[in-house]
C-alpha atoms as a PDB file:
ATOM      1  CA  MET A   1     -16.145  -5.415  18.445  1.00  0.00           C
ATOM      2  CA  ASP A   2     -13.753  -5.096  15.612  1.00  0.00           C
ATOM      3  CA  THR A   3     -15.379  -6.239  12.052  1.00  0.00           C
ATOM      4  CA  ARG A   4     -11.946  -7.342  10.875  1.00  0.00           C
ATOM      5  CA  HIS A   5     -12.296 -10.012  14.005  1.00  0.00           C
ATOM      6  CA  LEU A   6     -15.672 -11.223  12.943  1.00  0.00           C
ATOM      7  CA  LYS A   7     -14.503 -11.568   9.176  1.00  0.00           C
ATOM      8  CA  HIS A   8     -11.249 -13.628  10.296  1.00  0.00           C
ATOM      9  CA  PHE A   9     -13.858 -15.658  12.555  1.00  0.00           C
ATOM     10  CA  VAL A  10     -16.086 -16.393   9.614  1.00  0.00           C
ATOM     11  CA  ALA A  11     -13.572 -17.310   7.397  1.00  0.00           C
ATOM     12  CA  VAL A  12     -11.789 -19.791   9.616  1.00  0.00           C
ATOM     13  CA  ALA A  13     -15.254 -21.300  10.959  1.00  0.00           C
ATOM     14  CA  GLU A  14     -16.100 -21.823   7.169  1.00  0.00           C
ATOM     15  CA  PHE A  15     -12.777 -23.134   5.935  1.00  0.00           C
ATOM     16  CA  LYS A  16     -12.260 -25.120   9.079  1.00  0.00           C
ATOM     17  CA  HIS A  17      -8.567 -24.773   8.379  1.00  0.00           C
ATOM     18  CA  PHE A  18      -6.212 -21.517   9.250  1.00  0.00           C
ATOM     19  CA  THR A  19      -4.156 -21.651   6.069  1.00  0.00           C
ATOM     20  CA  GLN A  20      -7.157 -21.934   3.666  1.00  0.00           C
ATOM     21  CA  ALA A  21      -8.683 -18.770   5.439  1.00  0.00           C
ATOM     22  CA  ALA A  22      -5.542 -16.907   5.560  1.00  0.00           C
ATOM     23  CA  ARG A  23      -5.323 -17.707   1.378  1.00  0.00           C
ATOM     24  CA  GLU A  24      -8.784 -16.448   1.050  1.00  0.00           C
ATOM     25  CA  LEU A  25      -8.677 -13.274   3.305  1.00  0.00           C
ATOM     26  CA  HIS A  26      -5.016 -12.370   1.342  1.00  0.00           C
ATOM     27  CA  ILE A  27      -3.163 -12.237   4.728  1.00  0.00           C
ATOM     28  CA  ALA A  28      -0.436 -14.218   6.015  1.00  0.00           C
ATOM     29  CA  GLN A  29      -1.850 -17.301   8.279  1.00  0.00           C
ATOM     30  CA  PRO A  30       0.355 -16.153  11.514  1.00  0.00           C
ATOM     31  CA  ALA A  31      -1.237 -12.919  11.191  1.00  0.00           C
ATOM     32  CA  LEU A  32      -4.806 -14.519  10.957  1.00  0.00           C
ATOM     33  CA  SER A  33      -4.030 -16.962  13.924  1.00  0.00           C
ATOM     34  CA  MET A  34      -2.823 -13.633  16.218  1.00  0.00           C
ATOM     35  CA  SER A  35      -6.028 -12.272  15.341  1.00  0.00           C
ATOM     36  CA  ILE A  36      -8.311 -14.859  16.047  1.00  0.00           C
ATOM     37  CA  LYS A  37      -6.411 -15.329  19.617  1.00  0.00           C
ATOM     38  CA  LYS A  38      -7.108 -11.703  20.111  1.00  0.00           C
ATOM     39  CA  PHE A  39     -10.530 -11.826  19.508  1.00  0.00           C
ATOM     40  CA  GLU A  40     -10.779 -14.749  22.058  1.00  0.00           C
ATOM     41  CA  GLN A  41      -9.206 -12.839  24.621  1.00  0.00           C
ATOM     42  CA  GLN A  42     -11.303 -10.035  24.044  1.00  0.00           C
ATOM     43  CA  LEU A  43     -14.542 -12.096  24.498  1.00  0.00           C
ATOM     44  CA  GLY A  44     -13.100 -14.322  27.291  1.00  0.00           C
ATOM     45  CA  VAL A  45     -13.905 -17.623  25.599  1.00  0.00           C
ATOM     46  CA  GLU A  46     -12.478 -20.186  23.295  1.00  0.00           C
ATOM     47  CA  LEU A  47     -14.455 -20.105  19.796  1.00  0.00           C
ATOM     48  CA  PHE A  48     -12.188 -23.074  18.170  1.00  0.00           C
ATOM     49  CA  ARG A  49     -11.125 -26.488  18.991  1.00  0.00           C
ATOM     50  CA  ARG A  50      -7.525 -27.035  17.542  1.00  0.00           C
ATOM     51  CA  HIS A  51      -7.020 -30.261  15.883  1.00  0.00           C
ATOM     52  CA  ASP A  52      -3.990 -31.266  14.119  1.00  0.00           C
ATOM     53  CA  ARG A  53      -4.854 -30.784  10.667  1.00  0.00           C
ATOM     54  CA  HIS A  54      -8.147 -28.576  11.147  1.00  0.00           C
ATOM     55  CA  VAL A  55     -10.200 -26.828  13.706  1.00  0.00           C
ATOM     56  CA  SER A  56     -13.749 -26.891  14.486  1.00  0.00           C
ATOM     57  CA  LEU A  57     -16.157 -24.459  16.359  1.00  0.00           C
ATOM     58  CA  THR A  58     -16.828 -24.835  20.096  1.00  0.00           C
ATOM     59  CA  GLU A  59     -20.298 -24.052  21.513  1.00  0.00           C
ATOM     60  CA  GLU A  60     -19.582 -20.467  21.899  1.00  0.00           C
ATOM     61  CA  GLY A  61     -17.931 -20.262  18.508  1.00  0.00           C
ATOM     62  CA  ASN A  62     -21.299 -21.735  16.957  1.00  0.00           C
ATOM     63  CA  VAL A  63     -23.522 -18.930  18.543  1.00  0.00           C
ATOM     64  CA  LEU A  64     -21.271 -16.322  17.559  1.00  0.00           C
ATOM     65  CA  TYR A  65     -21.199 -17.872  13.886  1.00  0.00           C
ATOM     66  CA  GLN A  66     -24.995 -17.533  13.508  1.00  0.00           C
ATOM     67  CA  TYR A  67     -24.666 -13.669  14.439  1.00  0.00           C
ATOM     68  CA  ALA A  68     -21.507 -12.708  12.866  1.00  0.00           C
ATOM     69  CA  LYS A  69     -22.879 -13.835   9.414  1.00  0.00           C
ATOM     70  CA  ARG A  70     -25.694 -11.818   9.660  1.00  0.00           C
ATOM     71  CA  VAL A  71     -23.487  -8.795  10.741  1.00  0.00           C
ATOM     72  CA  LEU A  72     -21.173  -8.968   8.049  1.00  0.00           C
ATOM     73  CA  GLN A  73     -24.088  -9.363   5.501  1.00  0.00           C
ATOM     74  CA  HIS A  74     -25.533  -6.257   6.803  1.00  0.00           C
ATOM     75  CA  ILE A  75     -22.246  -4.434   6.443  1.00  0.00           C
ATOM     76  CA  ASP A  76     -21.703  -5.672   2.983  1.00  0.00           C
ATOM     77  CA  ASP A  77     -25.109  -4.678   2.286  1.00  0.00           C
ATOM     78  CA  ALA A  78     -24.686  -1.236   3.425  1.00  0.00           C
ATOM     79  CA  LYS A  79     -21.421  -0.794   1.846  1.00  0.00           C
ATOM     80  CA  LEU A  80     -22.904  -1.777  -1.448  1.00  0.00           C
ATOM     81  CA  ALA A  81     -25.442   0.678  -1.265  1.00  0.00           C
ATOM     82  CA  ILE A  82     -22.907   3.368  -0.577  1.00  0.00           C
ATOM     83  CA  ASP A  83     -20.519   2.281  -2.932  1.00  0.00           C
ATOM     84  CA  GLU A  84     -22.974   2.579  -5.652  1.00  0.00           C
ATOM     85  CA  LEU A  85     -23.800   6.340  -4.548  1.00  0.00           C
ATOM     86  CA  ARG A  86     -20.463   7.080  -4.615  1.00  0.00           C
ATOM     87  CA  GLY A  87     -20.174   5.791  -8.247  1.00  0.00           C
ATOM     88  CA  LEU A  88     -17.783   2.803  -7.518  1.00  0.00           C
ATOM     89  CA  GLU A  89     -19.496   0.884  -9.879  1.00  0.00           C
ATOM     90  CA  LYS A  90     -17.635   2.487 -12.471  1.00  0.00           C
ATOM     91  CA  GLY A  91     -14.326   3.862 -13.045  1.00  0.00           C
ATOM     92  CA  GLU A  92     -10.752   3.427 -13.565  1.00  0.00           C
ATOM     93  CA  VAL A  93      -7.430   3.465 -11.486  1.00  0.00           C
ATOM     94  CA  ARG A  94      -4.353   3.765 -13.543  1.00  0.00           C
ATOM     95  CA  LEU A  95      -1.122   2.572 -11.570  1.00  0.00           C
ATOM     96  CA  GLY A  96       2.455   2.791 -12.294  1.00  0.00           C
ATOM     97  CA  ALA A  97       4.857   0.251 -10.877  1.00  0.00           C
ATOM     98  CA  PRO A  98       8.283  -0.574 -11.105  1.00  0.00           C
ATOM     99  CA  SER A  99       8.824  -4.047 -12.578  1.00  0.00           C
ATOM    100  CA  MET A 100       9.540  -5.993  -9.179  1.00  0.00           C
ATOM    101  CA  MET A 101       6.943  -4.089  -7.369  1.00  0.00           C
ATOM    102  CA  GLY A 102       4.409  -4.758 -10.340  1.00  0.00           C
ATOM    103  CA  SER A 103       5.382  -8.601 -10.524  1.00  0.00           C
ATOM    104  CA  TYR A 104       5.527  -9.517  -6.788  1.00  0.00           C
ATOM    105  CA  PHE A 105       4.122  -7.113  -4.444  1.00  0.00           C
ATOM    106  CA  PHE A 106       0.882  -5.915  -6.408  1.00  0.00           C
ATOM    107  CA  PRO A 107      -0.813  -9.195  -7.806  1.00  0.00           C
ATOM    108  CA  GLN A 108      -2.381 -10.076  -4.601  1.00  0.00           C
ATOM    109  CA  VAL A 109      -3.457  -6.408  -3.901  1.00  0.00           C
ATOM    110  CA  LEU A 110      -4.945  -6.092  -7.174  1.00  0.00           C
ATOM    111  CA  MET A 111      -6.980  -9.214  -7.279  1.00  0.00           C
ATOM    112  CA  ALA A 112      -8.093  -8.407  -3.644  1.00  0.00           C
ATOM    113  CA  PHE A 113      -9.181  -4.854  -4.688  1.00  0.00           C
ATOM    114  CA  LYS A 114     -10.811  -6.423  -7.699  1.00  0.00           C
ATOM    115  CA  ALA A 115     -12.868  -8.470  -5.661  1.00  0.00           C
ATOM    116  CA  HIS A 116     -14.159  -5.913  -3.687  1.00  0.00           C
ATOM    117  CA  TYR A 117     -14.998  -3.799  -6.667  1.00  0.00           C
ATOM    118  CA  PRO A 118     -15.521  -5.924  -9.652  1.00  0.00           C
ATOM    119  CA  ASN A 119     -16.825  -3.138 -11.760  1.00  0.00           C
ATOM    120  CA  LEU A 120     -13.382  -0.955 -11.586  1.00  0.00           C
ATOM    121  CA  LYS A 121     -10.952  -1.186 -14.293  1.00  0.00           C
ATOM    122  CA  ILE A 122      -7.383  -1.369 -13.170  1.00  0.00           C
ATOM    123  CA  THR A 123      -4.539  -0.413 -15.472  1.00  0.00           C
ATOM    124  CA  LEU A 124      -0.982  -1.363 -14.337  1.00  0.00           C
ATOM    125  CA  ILE A 125       2.002   0.312 -16.156  1.00  0.00           C
ATOM    126  CA  ASP A 126       5.513  -0.960 -15.583  1.00  0.00           C
ATOM    127  CA  ALA A 127       7.889   1.743 -15.761  1.00  0.00           C
ATOM    128  CA  GLY A 128      10.952   2.989 -13.851  1.00  0.00           C
ATOM    129  CA  THR A 129      10.345   5.328 -10.623  1.00  0.00           C
ATOM    130  CA  ARG A 130      11.889   8.339 -12.655  1.00  0.00           C
ATOM    131  CA  SER A 131       9.472   7.720 -15.517  1.00  0.00           C
ATOM    132  CA  ILE A 132       6.571   7.283 -13.077  1.00  0.00           C
ATOM    133  CA  ARG A 133       7.295  10.707 -11.257  1.00  0.00           C
ATOM    134  CA  GLN A 134       7.077  12.411 -14.442  1.00  0.00           C
ATOM    135  CA  MET A 135       3.897  10.683 -15.609  1.00  0.00           C
ATOM    136  CA  LEU A 136       2.420  11.533 -12.537  1.00  0.00           C
ATOM    137  CA  LEU A 137       3.418  15.086 -13.022  1.00  0.00           C
ATOM    138  CA  ASP A 138       1.953  14.864 -16.575  1.00  0.00           C
ATOM    139  CA  GLY A 139      -1.181  13.374 -15.732  1.00  0.00           C
ATOM    140  CA  ASP A 140      -0.713  10.115 -17.509  1.00  0.00           C
ATOM    141  CA  LEU A 141      -0.748   8.268 -14.325  1.00  0.00           C
ATOM    142  CA  ASP A 142      -3.045   8.756 -11.131  1.00  0.00           C
ATOM    143  CA  ILE A 143      -0.730   6.717  -8.959  1.00  0.00           C
ATOM    144  CA  GLY A 144       2.245   5.506  -8.908  1.00  0.00           C
ATOM    145  CA  VAL A 145       5.204   3.748  -6.612  1.00  0.00           C
ATOM    146  CA  ILE A 146       8.566   5.691  -6.406  1.00  0.00           C
ATOM    147  CA  ASP A 147      11.372   5.643  -3.941  1.00  0.00           C
ATOM    148  CA  ASP A 148      10.758   8.218  -1.215  1.00  0.00           C
ATOM    149  CA  HIS A 149      13.678  10.087  -2.007  1.00  0.00           C
ATOM    150  CA  ASP A 150      14.028  13.749  -3.295  1.00  0.00           C
ATOM    151  CA  VAL A 151      10.361  13.622  -4.102  1.00  0.00           C
ATOM    152  CA  PRO A 152       9.355  16.792  -6.131  1.00  0.00           C
ATOM    153  CA  ASP A 153       7.168  19.151  -4.241  1.00  0.00           C
ATOM    154  CA  ASP A 154       4.320  18.681  -6.779  1.00  0.00           C
ATOM    155  CA  LEU A 155       3.931  15.179  -5.564  1.00  0.00           C
ATOM    156  CA  GLU A 156       2.228  14.114  -2.215  1.00  0.00           C
ATOM    157  CA  THR A 157       3.323  10.790  -1.225  1.00  0.00           C
ATOM    158  CA  ASP A 158       2.122   8.102   1.662  1.00  0.00           C
ATOM    159  CA  TYR A 159       4.464   5.366   2.676  1.00  0.00           C
ATOM    160  CA  LEU A 160       3.787   2.052   1.095  1.00  0.00           C
ATOM    161  CA  SER A 161       6.873  -0.417   2.435  1.00  0.00           C
ATOM    162  CA  ASP A 162      10.439  -0.633   3.201  1.00  0.00           C
ATOM    163  CA  GLU A 163      12.423  -3.201   0.723  1.00  0.00           C
ATOM    164  CA  GLU A 164      15.544  -4.687   1.231  1.00  0.00           C
ATOM    165  CA  MET A 165      17.886  -4.681  -1.748  1.00  0.00           C
ATOM    166  CA  VAL A 166      20.226  -7.934  -2.211  1.00  0.00           C
ATOM    167  CA  ALA A 167      22.698  -9.283  -4.435  1.00  0.00           C
ATOM    168  CA  VAL A 168      21.474 -12.232  -6.258  1.00  0.00           C
ATOM    169  CA  VAL A 169      23.142 -15.004  -7.775  1.00  0.00           C
ATOM    170  CA  GLY A 170      22.667 -18.524  -9.258  1.00  0.00           C
ATOM    171  CA  PRO A 171      22.374 -21.352  -6.821  1.00  0.00           C
ATOM    172  CA  GLU A 172      25.785 -23.072  -8.137  1.00  0.00           C
ATOM    173  CA  HIS A 173      27.518 -19.710  -8.110  1.00  0.00           C
ATOM    174  CA  LYS A 174      30.897 -19.578  -6.326  1.00  0.00           C
ATOM    175  CA  ILE A 175      29.635 -16.989  -3.999  1.00  0.00           C
ATOM    176  CA  ALA A 176      26.087 -18.501  -3.293  1.00  0.00           C
ATOM    177  CA  ASN A 177      27.101 -19.777   0.330  1.00  0.00           C
ATOM    178  CA  GLN A 178      28.485 -16.536   1.527  1.00  0.00           C
ATOM    179  CA  GLU A 179      26.511 -15.123   4.171  1.00  0.00           C
ATOM    180  CA  TYR A 180      27.201 -11.418   3.133  1.00  0.00           C
ATOM    181  CA  ILE A 181      28.755  -9.895   0.198  1.00  0.00           C
ATOM    182  CA  SER A 182      30.828  -6.158   0.296  1.00  0.00           C
ATOM    183  CA  PHE A 183      29.844  -3.671  -2.441  1.00  0.00           C
ATOM    184  CA  GLU A 184      33.639  -4.085  -3.515  1.00  0.00           C
ATOM    185  CA  GLU A 185      33.241  -7.747  -4.058  1.00  0.00           C
ATOM    186  CA  PHE A 186      29.884  -7.232  -5.948  1.00  0.00           C
ATOM    187  CA  PHE A 187      31.467  -4.970  -8.697  1.00  0.00           C
ATOM    188  CA  ASN A 188      34.250  -7.542  -9.215  1.00  0.00           C
ATOM    189  CA  HIS A 189      31.717  -9.737 -11.248  1.00  0.00           C
ATOM    190  CA  GLU A 190      29.748  -9.057 -14.223  1.00  0.00           C
ATOM    191  CA  LEU A 191      26.283  -7.398 -13.804  1.00  0.00           C
ATOM    192  CA  VAL A 192      22.827  -7.561 -15.558  1.00  0.00           C
ATOM    193  CA  MET A 193      20.803  -4.751 -14.630  1.00  0.00           C
ATOM    194  CA  PHE A 194      17.484  -2.790 -15.371  1.00  0.00           C
ATOM    195  CA  LYS A 195      18.089   0.378 -17.776  1.00  0.00           C
ATOM    196  CA  SER A 196      18.432   3.716 -16.460  1.00  0.00           C
ATOM    197  CA  GLY A 197      15.448   5.154 -14.531  1.00  0.00           C
ATOM    198  CA  TYR A 198      14.661   2.302 -12.455  1.00  0.00           C
ATOM    199  CA  PHE A 199      15.420   2.430  -8.585  1.00  0.00           C
ATOM    200  CA  HIS A 200      17.544  -0.835  -9.023  1.00  0.00           C
ATOM    201  CA  ARG A 201      19.870   0.959 -11.657  1.00  0.00           C
ATOM    202  CA  ASP A 202      20.014   4.114  -9.955  1.00  0.00           C
ATOM    203  CA  PHE A 203      20.835   2.346  -6.553  1.00  0.00           C
ATOM    204  CA  VAL A 204      23.703   0.261  -8.394  1.00  0.00           C
ATOM    205  CA  GLU A 205      25.113   3.270  -9.941  1.00  0.00           C
ATOM    206  CA  ASP A 206      25.256   5.442  -6.791  1.00  0.00           C
ATOM    207  CA  LYS A 207      26.829   2.561  -4.840  1.00  0.00           C
ATOM    208  CA  ALA A 208      29.690   2.524  -7.790  1.00  0.00           C
ATOM    209  CA  ARG A 209      30.075   6.116  -7.671  1.00  0.00           C
ATOM    210  CA  LEU A 210      30.371   5.860  -3.556  1.00  0.00           C
ATOM    211  CA  TYR A 211      33.036   3.170  -3.798  1.00  0.00           C
ATOM    212  CA  GLU A 212      34.854   4.274  -7.113  1.00  0.00           C
ATOM    213  CA  ARG A 213      34.457   1.520  -9.121  1.00  0.00           C
ATOM    214  CA  ASP A 214      33.195   0.547 -12.704  1.00  0.00           C
ATOM    215  CA  ILE A 215      30.111  -1.176 -13.391  1.00  0.00           C
ATOM    216  CA  LYS A 216      30.919  -4.468 -15.370  1.00  0.00           C
ATOM    217  CA  LEU A 217      27.673  -4.364 -17.420  1.00  0.00           C
ATOM    218  CA  SER A 218      27.049  -7.727 -19.463  1.00  0.00           C
ATOM    219  CA  PHE A 219      23.356  -7.185 -20.004  1.00  0.00           C
ATOM    220  CA  GLU A 220      20.748  -4.549 -19.963  1.00  0.00           C
ATOM    221  CA  THR A 221      17.156  -4.984 -20.041  1.00  0.00           C
ATOM    222  CA  ASN A 222      13.783  -3.970 -18.338  1.00  0.00           C
ATOM    223  CA  LEU A 223      12.462  -7.482 -18.472  1.00  0.00           C
ATOM    224  CA  LEU A 224      12.448  -8.886 -15.026  1.00  0.00           C
ATOM    225  CA  PRO A 225      12.036 -12.449 -16.269  1.00  0.00           C
ATOM    226  CA  LEU A 226      15.336 -12.088 -18.573  1.00  0.00           C
ATOM    227  CA  ILE A 227      17.220 -10.664 -15.767  1.00  0.00           C
ATOM    228  CA  LEU A 228      16.239 -13.707 -13.493  1.00  0.00           C
ATOM    229  CA  SER A 229      17.408 -16.072 -16.397  1.00  0.00           C
ATOM    230  CA  VAL A 230      20.582 -14.562 -16.984  1.00  0.00           C
ATOM    231  CA  VAL A 231      21.103 -15.010 -12.913  1.00  0.00           C
ATOM    232  CA  LYS A 232      19.896 -18.386 -13.026  1.00  0.00           C
ATOM    233  CA  HIS A 233      22.127 -19.637 -15.984  1.00  0.00           C
ATOM    234  CA  GLU A 234      25.020 -17.701 -14.033  1.00  0.00           C
ATOM    235  CA  PHE A 235      26.058 -15.136 -16.804  1.00  0.00           C
ATOM    236  CA  ALA A 236      26.067 -12.472 -14.242  1.00  0.00           C
ATOM    237  CA  ILE A 237      24.583 -11.390 -11.264  1.00  0.00           C
ATOM    238  CA  THR A 238      22.412  -8.667  -9.909  1.00  0.00           C
ATOM    239  CA  ALA A 239      20.937  -6.439  -7.170  1.00  0.00           C
ATOM    240  CA  LEU A 240      17.023  -7.207  -6.605  1.00  0.00           C
ATOM    241  CA  LEU A 241      14.396  -6.443  -3.853  1.00  0.00           C
ATOM    242  CA  LYS A 242      14.581  -9.286  -1.574  1.00  0.00           C
ATOM    243  CA  LEU A 243      10.845  -9.958  -1.998  1.00  0.00           C
ATOM    244  CA  VAL A 244      11.902 -11.372  -5.698  1.00  0.00           C
ATOM    245  CA  THR A 245      14.248 -14.017  -4.114  1.00  0.00           C
ATOM    246  CA  ASP A 246      11.694 -14.670  -1.761  1.00  0.00           C
ATOM    247  CA  ASN A 247       9.250 -15.789  -4.353  1.00  0.00           C
ATOM    248  CA  GLU A 248      11.595 -17.282  -7.257  1.00  0.00           C
ATOM    249  CA  ALA A 249      13.464 -20.870  -7.057  1.00  0.00           C
ATOM    250  CA  ASP A 250      16.796 -21.272  -8.259  1.00  0.00           C
ATOM    251  CA  VAL A 251      18.158 -18.068  -7.286  1.00  0.00           C
ATOM    252  CA  VAL A 252      19.894 -17.109  -3.991  1.00  0.00           C
ATOM    253  CA  ALA A 253      19.862 -13.844  -2.160  1.00  0.00           C
ATOM    254  CA  ILE A 254      22.811 -12.516  -0.179  1.00  0.00           C
ATOM    255  CA  PRO A 255      22.644  -9.433   1.746  1.00  0.00           C
ATOM    256  CA  PHE A 256      25.047  -6.434   1.800  1.00  0.00           C
ATOM    257  CA  ASP A 257      27.325  -6.426   4.329  1.00  0.00           C
ATOM    258  CA  ASP A 258      26.443  -2.698   4.816  1.00  0.00           C
ATOM    259  CA  PRO A 259      22.349  -3.489   4.477  1.00  0.00           C
ATOM    260  CA  VAL A 260      20.148  -1.400   2.029  1.00  0.00           C
ATOM    261  CA  HIS A 261      16.570  -0.282   2.398  1.00  0.00           C
ATOM    262  CA  ILE A 262      14.733   1.171  -0.243  1.00  0.00           C
ATOM    263  CA  ARG A 263      11.526   3.266   1.316  1.00  0.00           C
ATOM    264  CA  LEU A 264       9.007   2.909  -1.217  1.00  0.00           C
ATOM    265  CA  SER A 265       5.739   5.200  -1.396  1.00  0.00           C
ATOM    266  CA  LEU A 266       2.538   5.771  -2.982  1.00  0.00           C
ATOM    267  CA  ALA A 267       2.436   9.116  -4.737  1.00  0.00           C
ATOM    268  CA  TRP A 268       0.090  11.498  -6.816  1.00  0.00           C
ATOM    269  CA  ARG A 269      -0.016  14.978  -7.664  1.00  0.00           C
ATOM    270  CA  ARG A 270      -0.413  17.050  -4.746  1.00  0.00           C
ATOM    271  CA  ASN A 271      -3.175  19.399  -6.512  1.00  0.00           C
ATOM    272  CA  GLY A 272      -4.016  17.171  -9.512  1.00  0.00           C
ATOM    273  CA  TYR A 273      -7.837  15.426  -9.238  1.00  0.00           C
ATOM    274  CA  LEU A 274      -8.242  12.075  -7.517  1.00  0.00           C
ATOM    275  CA  SER A 275     -11.385  10.331  -8.521  1.00  0.00           C
ATOM    276  CA  ILE A 276     -13.259   8.374  -6.015  1.00  0.00           C
ATOM    277  CA  ALA A 277     -12.067   5.130  -7.154  1.00  0.00           C
ATOM    278  CA  ASP A 278      -8.519   6.296  -6.820  1.00  0.00           C
ATOM    279  CA  ARG A 279      -9.016   7.247  -3.307  1.00  0.00           C
ATOM    280  CA  THR A 280     -10.749   4.217  -2.593  1.00  0.00           C
ATOM    281  CA  PHE A 281      -7.597   2.368  -3.872  1.00  0.00           C
ATOM    282  CA  ILE A 282      -5.014   4.187  -1.716  1.00  0.00           C
ATOM    283  CA  ASP A 283      -6.931   3.157   1.353  1.00  0.00           C
ATOM    284  CA  PHE A 284      -7.514  -0.181   0.222  1.00  0.00           C
ATOM    285  CA  VAL A 285      -3.622  -0.799  -0.175  1.00  0.00           C
ATOM    286  CA  LYS A 286      -2.914   1.420   3.079  1.00  0.00           C
ATOM    287  CA  GLN A 287      -5.354  -1.166   4.702  1.00  0.00           C
ATOM    288  CA  TYR A 288      -3.847  -4.282   2.973  1.00  0.00           C
ATOM    289  CA  VAL A 289      -0.404  -3.500   3.867  1.00  0.00           C
END
């Protein structure tokens, strides 16, 4: 029996609502529903009665709930005891992440990690991936998020996520209703971009060289809110990770006709020291993703 299933089951039993339980667990609601369904299939019984707006425990579910609470409490007690022995009641994780990942990917991850280890300090540095690579090599960061391309031999990486890069325009822009956009058309427009050193800037410059086009750079800033504001007011367009547009109103994502995916990884010095807190954070992020 997977303790993850037990944790999911108890959360739904207590909230009597899949969406609220998923929010508490920091997972997607469909993933939680699938987890409960698989758990019921493993046990061969239905644990919940599904109603229009809530769920309630079946008789079998009510019996399991009494045991599940005690099991999870014992696990938490044991984990706390081990954590204290391993020194996880103190320590610091120094993480470097590009602005888009730091703003839209990591907040939930960091809050979930902090909930598990409330006494650990987390320092998040916003920087471009080239700067993050150098800070890792210099020992100024413990862990960093970088694009998994031409990684220095002195860095070790672990795959984090695959993110799509899309063109981003204001909702009233003349191309906002297009299903796709070519790079030839993209470079016809005024652009707002991050400064050099960010994978967003490297991506745009690489494509400009590939298509032998000049970049019409109207705005240059490392402030993501400013980039979004410029786009929303239709002074320029840009290219951002789709996870940004998935979380922002008043901007429109237009996929490139030749889809672009950026492979991102967690990185750290291959022969550098990783504290117990750092290793725990890496394992936590991998499990979370």
